[in-house]
Amino acid sequence: KGSEGVQLVNGFVGMLDALNDLLNIYSVVFVEELLEGEEGTVTLVPDGQGNFMALPIVQRFDQVSGVMPWSGHVPVTKTSRVLSAREEDSWYRAARIECQKAAELFKLTSVTR
């Protein structure tokens, strides 16, 4: 469910504390390094033949403490907008293509973000 359970932590001890808390709630957790900068979402739709079509990129903004608010707290329309074709520069186009390649590499079979 969106950013449910997501926490931004600083340092190794902070990560261990967060993991301890999360593992009391969830059986599996995912840890990743924070990437600074603009956030976007690429939704991929399968064509039934192993290929994916990328929908327009959704730009995400107004993070709270470095994390997108969980959709149960803030309407997604308040923190996101669809980029127009004119706004999609070469970086955005390259990101869409790389997402399509990843979905095909992992042989995904359903709509993926």
Foldseek 3Di string as FASTA:
>chain_A
DACVLDDDADDDVRVVVSVVVVVVPDVDDDDDDQDDDWDKDWKWADPQPLFTDTDFIKTFDDADNSGNDDCVPDPRVVGIDGDDPVPQDPVNVVVNVVVRVVCSVVSDDGIDD
